[in-house]
Amino acid sequence: MRVFQEVKTIKRTSIRMPRKMLFSVDESMVLNGYNQKEKSKWISNAILNLEKMPAYSMYIEQCVIDADLDEKADVTLTTKAQESLDKMMLGVNLSIKNSDKQSRVIRAAIIQYLIKDLS
């Protein structure tokens, strides 16, 4: 008799960010024992971390990046991270299209995770 484990559904998405931010993510990953294949895991953890913050909507609303969004990272989010992302997108009052809102939420999550990493 075969026993099948439940497979977590995941969603692929891409995020645009400044080159320096992507470099900082890579540095943090190395310092915390992640390898390059685990970037999606790191970003999923960043999203989950942001949702736990009491004022997450303020961080998202203030996350306006004027620098060139010249780097693209393709990530595969865990189901839990995608659910958190969807919840935060609904809870933030931004009058921008959903794809931009999703990117802003993910960038805010990355920034807050990097700040947490520095402390």
N, C-alpha and C. Protein backbone atom coordinates (compact mmCIF):
# COMPACT_ATOMS: atom_id res chain seq x y z
N MET A 1 0.84 -1.17 0.00
CA MET A 1 0.00 0.00 0.00
C MET A 1 0.89 1.24 0.00
N ARG A 2 0.62 2.14 -0.92
CA ARG A 2 1.38 3.38 -1.00
C ARG A 2 0.71 4.46 -0.18
N VAL A 3 1.53 5.23 0.51
CA VAL A 3 1.02 6.37 1.25
C VAL A 3 1.50 7.61 0.53
N PHE A 4 0.58 8.46 0.16
CA PHE A 4 0.92 9.69 -0.54
C PHE A 4 0.93 10.85 0.43
N GLN A 5 2.00 11.63 0.36
CA GLN A 5 2.06 12.83 1.18
C GLN A 5 1.33 13.95 0.46
N GLU A 6 0.72 14.81 1.26
CA GLU A 6 0.03 15.96 0.67
C GLU A 6 1.07 16.90 0.09
N VAL A 7 0.87 17.30 -1.15
CA VAL A 7 1.79 18.22 -1.81
C VAL A 7 1.28 19.64 -1.60
N LYS A 8 2.19 20.51 -1.16
CA LYS A 8 1.82 21.91 -0.98
C LYS A 8 1.74 22.58 -2.34
N THR A 9 0.63 23.22 -2.59
CA THR A 9 0.51 23.96 -3.84
C THR A 9 1.32 25.24 -3.72
N ILE A 10 1.89 25.62 -4.83
CA ILE A 10 2.74 26.79 -4.84
C ILE A 10 2.41 27.64 -6.04
N LYS A 11 2.75 28.92 -5.96
CA LYS A 11 2.45 29.83 -7.06
C LYS A 11 3.72 30.53 -7.49
N ARG A 12 3.97 30.51 -8.79
CA ARG A 12 5.12 31.24 -9.34
C ARG A 12 4.74 32.67 -9.59
N THR A 13 5.66 33.55 -9.27
CA THR A 13 5.46 34.96 -9.53
C THR A 13 6.82 35.60 -9.76
N SER A 14 6.82 36.81 -10.20
CA SER A 14 8.10 37.51 -10.37
C SER A 14 7.99 38.85 -9.68
N ILE A 15 9.12 39.32 -9.25
CA ILE A 15 9.20 40.59 -8.53
C ILE A 15 10.31 41.42 -9.14
N ARG A 16 10.01 42.69 -9.37
CA ARG A 16 11.03 43.62 -9.87
C ARG A 16 11.54 44.42 -8.70
N MET A 17 12.86 44.58 -8.66
CA MET A 17 13.48 45.31 -7.57
C MET A 17 14.79 45.94 -8.02
N PRO A 18 15.26 46.93 -7.27
CA PRO A 18 16.56 47.51 -7.62
C PRO A 18 17.68 46.48 -7.47
N ARG A 19 18.70 46.64 -8.26
CA ARG A 19 19.85 45.72 -8.23
C ARG A 19 20.44 45.61 -6.82
N LYS A 20 20.56 46.73 -6.12
CA LYS A 20 21.14 46.73 -4.77
C LYS A 20 20.29 45.90 -3.80
N MET A 21 18.98 45.94 -3.97
CA MET A 21 18.11 45.15 -3.10
C MET A 21 18.33 43.67 -3.34
N LEU A 22 18.42 43.27 -4.59
CA LEU A 22 18.66 41.87 -4.92
C LEU A 22 20.01 41.43 -4.36
N PHE A 23 21.01 42.29 -4.46
CA PHE A 23 22.33 41.98 -3.90
C PHE A 23 22.23 41.81 -2.39
N SER A 24 21.46 42.65 -1.72
CA SER A 24 21.29 42.54 -0.26
C SER A 24 20.57 41.25 0.11
N VAL A 25 19.59 40.86 -0.69
CA VAL A 25 18.91 39.58 -0.45
C VAL A 25 19.91 38.44 -0.56
N ASP A 26 20.73 38.46 -1.61
CA ASP A 26 21.72 37.40 -1.79
C ASP A 26 22.69 37.34 -0.61
N GLU A 27 23.13 38.50 -0.14
CA GLU A 27 24.04 38.56 1.02
C GLU A 27 23.39 37.97 2.26
N SER A 28 22.15 38.37 2.52
CA SER A 28 21.43 37.87 3.69
C SER A 28 21.23 36.36 3.61
N MET A 29 20.93 35.89 2.42
CA MET A 29 20.74 34.44 2.24
C MET A 29 22.01 33.68 2.61
N VAL A 30 23.15 34.15 2.15
CA VAL A 30 24.42 33.49 2.44
C VAL A 30 24.70 33.52 3.94
N LEU A 31 24.50 34.69 4.55
CA LEU A 31 24.76 34.83 5.99
C LEU A 31 23.87 33.94 6.84
N ASN A 32 22.69 33.62 6.32
CA ASN A 32 21.73 32.82 7.09
C ASN A 32 21.63 31.38 6.61
N GLY A 33 22.58 30.95 5.81
CA GLY A 33 22.66 29.54 5.44
C GLY A 33 21.75 29.10 4.30
N TYR A 34 21.20 30.04 3.55
CA TYR A 34 20.40 29.69 2.37
C TYR A 34 21.33 29.61 1.16
N ASN A 35 21.00 28.74 0.22
CA ASN A 35 21.74 28.75 -1.04
C ASN A 35 20.89 29.43 -2.11
N GLN A 36 21.45 29.64 -3.29
CA GLN A 36 20.75 30.38 -4.34
C GLN A 36 19.44 29.71 -4.78
N LYS A 37 19.36 28.40 -4.63
CA LYS A 37 18.14 27.69 -5.01
C LYS A 37 17.02 27.91 -3.99
N GLU A 38 17.36 28.52 -2.84
CA GLU A 38 16.37 28.72 -1.79
C GLU A 38 15.87 30.16 -1.70
N LYS A 39 16.07 30.93 -2.77
CA LYS A 39 15.62 32.33 -2.78
C LYS A 39 14.10 32.40 -2.58
N SER A 40 13.36 31.49 -3.19
CA SER A 40 11.91 31.48 -3.02
C SER A 40 11.53 31.23 -1.57
N LYS A 41 12.25 30.34 -0.92
CA LYS A 41 11.99 30.05 0.50
C LYS A 41 12.27 31.29 1.34
N TRP A 42 13.38 31.98 1.05
CA TRP A 42 13.75 33.19 1.79
C TRP A 42 12.67 34.25 1.62
N ILE A 43 12.21 34.46 0.39
CA ILE A 43 11.18 35.48 0.12
C ILE A 43 9.85 35.07 0.74
N SER A 44 9.50 33.80 0.69
CA SER A 44 8.28 33.33 1.36
C SER A 44 8.35 33.61 2.86
N ASN A 45 9.50 33.36 3.46
CA ASN A 45 9.68 33.66 4.89
C ASN A 45 9.57 35.15 5.17
N ALA A 46 10.08 35.97 4.26
CA ALA A 46 9.98 37.43 4.41
C ALA A 46 8.52 37.87 4.40
N ILE A 47 7.72 37.28 3.52
CA ILE A 47 6.29 37.62 3.44
C ILE A 47 5.58 37.23 4.73
N LEU A 48 5.86 36.03 5.23
CA LEU A 48 5.24 35.57 6.47
C LEU A 48 5.66 36.46 7.64
N ASN A 49 6.91 36.90 7.64
CA ASN A 49 7.41 37.78 8.68
C ASN A 49 6.67 39.13 8.66
N LEU A 50 6.46 39.68 7.46
CA LEU A 50 5.78 40.97 7.35
C LEU A 50 4.35 40.88 7.88
N GLU A 51 3.66 39.80 7.57
CA GLU A 51 2.27 39.68 8.01
C GLU A 51 2.17 39.67 9.53
N LYS A 52 3.19 39.18 10.22
CA LYS A 52 3.19 39.12 11.68
C LYS A 52 3.40 40.50 12.32
N MET A 53 3.85 41.46 11.54
CA MET A 53 4.12 42.79 12.08
C MET A 53 2.81 43.55 12.24
N PRO A 54 2.59 44.14 13.42
CA PRO A 54 1.31 44.82 13.67
C PRO A 54 0.99 45.94 12.68
N ALA A 55 1.99 46.65 12.22
CA ALA A 55 1.74 47.80 11.32
C ALA A 55 2.17 47.49 9.90
N TYR A 56 1.94 46.26 9.44
CA TYR A 56 2.44 45.89 8.12
C TYR A 56 1.89 46.78 7.00
N SER A 57 0.65 47.23 7.14
CA SER A 57 0.08 48.06 6.07
C SER A 57 0.84 49.38 5.93
N MET A 58 1.32 49.92 7.04
CA MET A 58 2.10 51.15 6.99
C MET A 58 3.40 50.93 6.22
N TYR A 59 4.06 49.80 6.47
CA TYR A 59 5.31 49.49 5.76
C TYR A 59 5.07 49.34 4.26
N ILE A 60 3.96 48.75 3.91
CA ILE A 60 3.64 48.56 2.49
C ILE A 60 3.34 49.89 1.83
N GLU A 61 2.53 50.70 2.48
CA GLU A 61 2.16 51.99 1.91
C GLU A 61 3.37 52.90 1.75
N GLN A 62 4.34 52.79 2.66
CA GLN A 62 5.53 53.64 2.60
C GLN A 62 6.62 53.08 1.68
N CYS A 63 6.41 51.91 1.15
CA CYS A 63 7.43 51.26 0.32
C CYS A 63 7.33 51.76 -1.12
N VAL A 64 7.76 52.97 -1.32
CA VAL A 64 7.79 53.54 -2.66
C VAL A 64 9.26 53.62 -3.05
N ILE A 65 9.62 52.90 -4.07
CA ILE A 65 11.01 52.85 -4.51
C ILE A 65 11.13 53.65 -5.79
N ASP A 66 11.94 54.70 -5.72
CA ASP A 66 12.14 55.55 -6.88
C ASP A 66 13.26 55.06 -7.79
N ALA A 67 14.10 54.19 -7.25
CA ALA A 67 15.23 53.67 -8.04
C ALA A 67 14.71 52.79 -9.18
N ASP A 68 15.58 52.58 -10.14
CA ASP A 68 15.22 51.71 -11.25
C ASP A 68 14.95 50.29 -10.75
N LEU A 69 13.84 49.76 -11.16
CA LEU A 69 13.51 48.37 -10.82
C LEU A 69 14.10 47.50 -11.92
N ASP A 70 15.42 47.39 -11.92
CA ASP A 70 16.12 46.80 -13.05
C ASP A 70 16.42 45.32 -12.92
N GLU A 71 16.07 44.72 -11.80
CA GLU A 71 16.30 43.28 -11.63
C GLU A 71 14.96 42.57 -11.46
N LYS A 72 14.91 41.36 -12.00
CA LYS A 72 13.69 40.56 -11.90
C LYS A 72 14.06 39.24 -11.24
N ALA A 73 13.33 38.90 -10.20
CA ALA A 73 13.54 37.62 -9.54
C ALA A 73 12.27 36.80 -9.70
N ASP A 74 12.41 35.62 -10.26
CA ASP A 74 11.28 34.70 -10.37
C ASP A 74 11.27 33.85 -9.12
N VAL A 75 10.14 33.82 -8.43
CA VAL A 75 10.05 33.06 -7.19
C VAL A 75 8.83 32.17 -7.20
N THR A 76 8.90 31.12 -6.42
CA THR A 76 7.79 30.21 -6.23
C THR A 76 7.41 30.27 -4.77
N LEU A 77 6.26 30.87 -4.49
CA LEU A 77 5.83 31.07 -3.12
C LEU A 77 5.14 29.83 -2.57
N THR A 78 5.33 29.60 -1.28
CA THR A 78 4.60 28.51 -0.63
C THR A 78 3.14 28.92 -0.53
N THR A 79 2.29 27.96 -0.30
CA THR A 79 0.86 28.23 -0.16
C THR A 79 0.62 29.21 0.97
N LYS A 80 1.28 29.00 2.08
CA LYS A 80 1.11 29.86 3.25
C LYS A 80 1.54 31.30 2.93
N ALA A 81 2.66 31.46 2.24
CA ALA A 81 3.13 32.79 1.87
C ALA A 81 2.17 33.45 0.88
N GLN A 82 1.65 32.68 -0.06
CA GLN A 82 0.70 33.24 -1.03
C GLN A 82 -0.58 33.69 -0.33
N GLU A 83 -1.04 32.91 0.64
CA GLU A 83 -2.23 33.29 1.39
C GLU A 83 -1.98 34.58 2.18
N SER A 84 -0.81 34.69 2.79
CA SER A 84 -0.45 35.91 3.52
C SER A 84 -0.37 37.10 2.58
N LEU A 85 0.23 36.89 1.42
CA LEU A 85 0.35 37.95 0.42
C LEU A 85 -1.03 38.43 -0.02
N ASP A 86 -1.92 37.49 -0.32
CA ASP A 86 -3.28 37.84 -0.74
C ASP A 86 -4.01 38.63 0.35
N LYS A 87 -3.85 38.19 1.60
CA LYS A 87 -4.50 38.87 2.72
C LYS A 87 -3.98 40.30 2.86
N MET A 88 -2.67 40.46 2.77
CA MET A 88 -2.09 41.79 2.92
C MET A 88 -2.49 42.70 1.77
N MET A 89 -2.59 42.15 0.56
CA MET A 89 -3.00 42.95 -0.59
C MET A 89 -4.42 43.47 -0.41
N LEU A 90 -5.28 42.67 0.18
CA LEU A 90 -6.66 43.11 0.44
C LEU A 90 -6.71 44.15 1.55
N GLY A 91 -5.80 44.04 2.51
CA GLY A 91 -5.81 44.93 3.66
C GLY A 91 -5.14 46.27 3.44
N VAL A 92 -4.52 46.45 2.30
CA VAL A 92 -3.81 47.70 2.03
C VAL A 92 -4.62 48.54 1.05
N ASN A 93 -4.80 49.78 1.40
CA ASN A 93 -5.62 50.66 0.57
C ASN A 93 -4.72 51.44 -0.39
N LEU A 94 -4.38 50.83 -1.49
CA LEU A 94 -3.56 51.48 -2.50
C LEU A 94 -4.34 51.50 -3.81
N SER A 95 -4.34 52.62 -4.47
CA SER A 95 -5.06 52.71 -5.74
C SER A 95 -4.09 52.46 -6.89
N ILE A 96 -3.55 51.25 -6.92
CA ILE A 96 -2.67 50.83 -8.00
C ILE A 96 -3.13 49.45 -8.45
N LYS A 97 -2.71 49.05 -9.64
CA LYS A 97 -3.16 47.74 -10.14
C LYS A 97 -2.57 46.61 -9.30
N ASN A 98 -3.24 45.47 -9.33
CA ASN A 98 -2.88 44.36 -8.45
C ASN A 98 -1.45 43.86 -8.63
N SER A 99 -0.95 43.82 -9.87
CA SER A 99 0.42 43.33 -10.06
C SER A 99 1.43 44.28 -9.39
N ASP A 100 1.17 45.58 -9.45
CA ASP A 100 2.05 46.54 -8.78
C ASP A 100 1.90 46.44 -7.27
N LYS A 101 0.67 46.20 -6.81
CA LYS A 101 0.42 46.07 -5.38
C LYS A 101 1.15 44.83 -4.84
N GLN A 102 1.09 43.74 -5.59
CA GLN A 102 1.77 42.51 -5.17
C GLN A 102 3.28 42.75 -5.07
N SER A 103 3.84 43.41 -6.07
CA SER A 103 5.27 43.70 -6.04
C SER A 103 5.63 44.59 -4.87
N ARG A 104 4.79 45.58 -4.60
CA ARG A 104 5.08 46.48 -3.48
C ARG A 104 5.04 45.73 -2.16
N VAL A 105 4.07 44.84 -1.98
CA VAL A 105 3.99 44.06 -0.74
C VAL A 105 5.23 43.19 -0.59
N ILE A 106 5.64 42.54 -1.67
CA ILE A 106 6.83 41.67 -1.59
C ILE A 106 8.08 42.50 -1.32
N ARG A 107 8.22 43.65 -1.97
CA ARG A 107 9.39 44.51 -1.70
C ARG A 107 9.39 44.99 -0.26
N ALA A 108 8.23 45.36 0.28
CA ALA A 108 8.14 45.78 1.68
C ALA A 108 8.54 44.63 2.60
N ALA A 109 8.10 43.42 2.26
CA ALA A 109 8.46 42.24 3.06
C ALA A 109 9.98 42.02 3.04
N ILE A 110 10.57 42.16 1.86
CA ILE A 110 12.02 41.98 1.74
C ILE A 110 12.76 43.03 2.56
N ILE A 111 12.33 44.28 2.46
CA ILE A 111 13.01 45.36 3.22
C ILE A 111 12.92 45.10 4.71
N GLN A 112 11.75 44.74 5.20
CA GLN A 112 11.59 44.51 6.64
C GLN A 112 12.38 43.28 7.09
N TYR A 113 12.47 42.27 6.23
CA TYR A 113 13.25 41.07 6.58
C TYR A 113 14.74 41.39 6.62
N LEU A 114 15.18 42.25 5.70
CA LEU A 114 16.59 42.67 5.70
C LEU A 114 16.89 43.51 6.94
N ILE A 115 15.97 44.38 7.33
CA ILE A 115 16.17 45.19 8.55
C ILE A 115 16.25 44.28 9.77
N LYS A 116 15.36 43.31 9.83
CA LYS A 116 15.36 42.35 10.94
C LYS A 116 16.70 41.60 10.98
N ASP A 117 17.19 41.27 9.81
CA ASP A 117 18.45 40.54 9.70
C ASP A 117 19.64 41.36 10.23
N LEU A 118 19.56 42.68 10.05
CA LEU A 118 20.65 43.55 10.49
C LEU A 118 20.64 43.77 12.00
N SER A 119 19.49 43.56 12.64
CA SER A 119 19.44 43.83 14.08
C SER A 119 19.77 42.64 14.93
